[in-house]
Amino acid sequence: MAVLIDEPIWWFRGRRWSHLVSDASYDELHAFADKTGIPRRGFQGDHYDVPEEHFDELVQAGAQVTSSRELLRRLRAGGLRLTPEERRARR
């Protein structure tokens, strides 16, 4: 069980963003986000989008840095990856 974060390389609205996921459960992911002050509005159905200024504090809190490719592989392996249609339906 791990909470994973990729490097903040994703540009959106003039900022760089990371993805924060759990490879075990959404409950684990939400608990970590709550503990570290990441607001629920950042949840995108199967991951949190977090701005680069929170990256270091999330790593210090225990998120494991991994590549985006590995993050996605682990999300799929855990059965937690949603299709874009499934993410839109959950909003």
Protein backbone atom coordinates (compact mmCIF):
# COMPACT_ATOMS: atom_id res chain seq x y z
CA MET A 1 0.00 0.00 0.00
CA ALA A 2 1.44 3.30 -1.04
CA VAL A 3 0.52 6.85 -1.87
CA LEU A 4 2.37 7.88 -5.01
CA ILE A 5 3.10 11.24 -6.61
CA ASP A 6 4.63 12.09 -9.97
CA GLU A 7 6.85 15.06 -10.68
CA PRO A 8 5.03 18.37 -11.27
CA ILE A 9 5.44 18.47 -15.05
CA TRP A 10 1.82 18.89 -16.16
CA TRP A 11 1.03 22.49 -17.18
CA PHE A 12 -2.48 23.86 -16.63
CA ARG A 13 -3.50 27.49 -16.26
CA GLY A 14 0.04 28.74 -15.88
CA ARG A 15 1.06 26.28 -13.14
CA ARG A 16 2.70 22.89 -13.02
CA TRP A 17 0.79 20.03 -11.42
CA SER A 18 1.40 16.55 -10.01
CA HIS A 19 -0.91 13.59 -9.68
CA LEU A 20 -1.40 11.98 -6.27
CA VAL A 21 -2.76 8.41 -6.18
CA SER A 22 -3.02 5.35 -3.96
CA ASP A 23 -2.22 1.93 -5.34
CA ALA A 24 -4.47 0.32 -2.73
CA SER A 25 -7.69 2.27 -2.15
CA TYR A 26 -9.46 5.57 -2.50
CA ASP A 27 -9.91 5.58 1.29
CA GLU A 28 -6.13 5.58 1.74
CA LEU A 29 -5.81 8.38 -0.81
CA HIS A 30 -8.51 10.55 0.81
CA ALA A 31 -7.04 9.99 4.28
CA PHE A 32 -3.61 11.10 3.07
CA ALA A 33 -5.09 14.15 1.31
CA ASP A 34 -7.07 15.10 4.42
CA LYS A 35 -3.99 14.68 6.63
CA THR A 36 -1.90 16.92 4.37
CA GLY A 37 -4.53 19.59 3.72
CA ILE A 38 -5.25 18.80 0.06
CA PRO A 39 -8.84 19.89 -0.58
CA ARG A 40 -11.37 17.39 -1.90
CA ARG A 41 -12.05 19.66 -4.89
CA GLY A 42 -8.68 18.45 -6.25
CA PHE A 43 -9.99 14.88 -6.53
CA GLN A 44 -10.46 13.87 -10.15
CA GLY A 45 -12.22 10.51 -9.71
CA ASP A 46 -9.13 8.35 -9.26
CA HIS A 47 -6.40 10.87 -8.39
CA TYR A 48 -5.79 14.30 -6.91
CA ASP A 49 -4.32 17.09 -8.98
CA VAL A 50 -1.93 19.04 -6.76
CA PRO A 51 0.02 22.20 -7.65
CA GLU A 52 3.80 22.11 -7.61
CA GLU A 53 4.10 24.21 -4.46
CA HIS A 54 2.73 21.26 -2.43
CA PHE A 55 5.05 18.64 -3.93
CA ASP A 56 7.84 18.78 -1.31
CA GLU A 57 5.47 18.73 1.66
CA LEU A 58 3.60 15.71 0.25
CA VAL A 59 6.87 13.84 -0.24
CA GLN A 60 7.92 14.72 3.31
CA ALA A 61 4.54 13.42 4.54
CA GLY A 62 5.24 10.05 2.90
CA ALA A 63 4.16 10.18 -0.73
CA GLN A 64 6.55 8.14 -2.87
CA VAL A 65 7.91 9.92 -5.94
CA THR A 66 7.52 7.88 -9.09
CA SER A 67 7.33 8.43 -12.81
CA SER A 68 3.98 9.19 -14.39
CA ARG A 69 4.17 5.92 -16.28
CA GLU A 70 4.78 3.89 -13.12
CA LEU A 71 2.07 5.80 -11.26
CA LEU A 72 -0.43 4.88 -13.98
CA ARG A 73 0.75 1.25 -14.07
CA ARG A 74 0.26 0.89 -10.30
CA LEU A 75 -3.13 2.60 -10.42
CA ARG A 76 -4.26 0.14 -13.09
CA ALA A 77 -2.76 -2.86 -11.27
CA GLY A 78 -4.69 -1.88 -8.15
CA GLY A 79 -7.94 -1.77 -10.14
CA LEU A 80 -8.37 1.93 -9.32
CA ARG A 81 -7.89 3.56 -12.74
CA LEU A 82 -11.06 5.03 -14.19
CA THR A 83 -11.74 5.72 -17.84
CA PRO A 84 -12.37 9.36 -18.76
CA GLU A 85 -16.09 8.54 -19.07
CA GLU A 86 -16.14 7.01 -15.57
CA ARG A 87 -14.37 10.08 -14.12
CA ARG A 88 -16.90 12.43 -15.71
CA ALA A 89 -19.81 10.32 -14.40
CA ARG A 90 -18.49 10.58 -10.82
CA ARG A 91 -18.40 14.39 -10.82
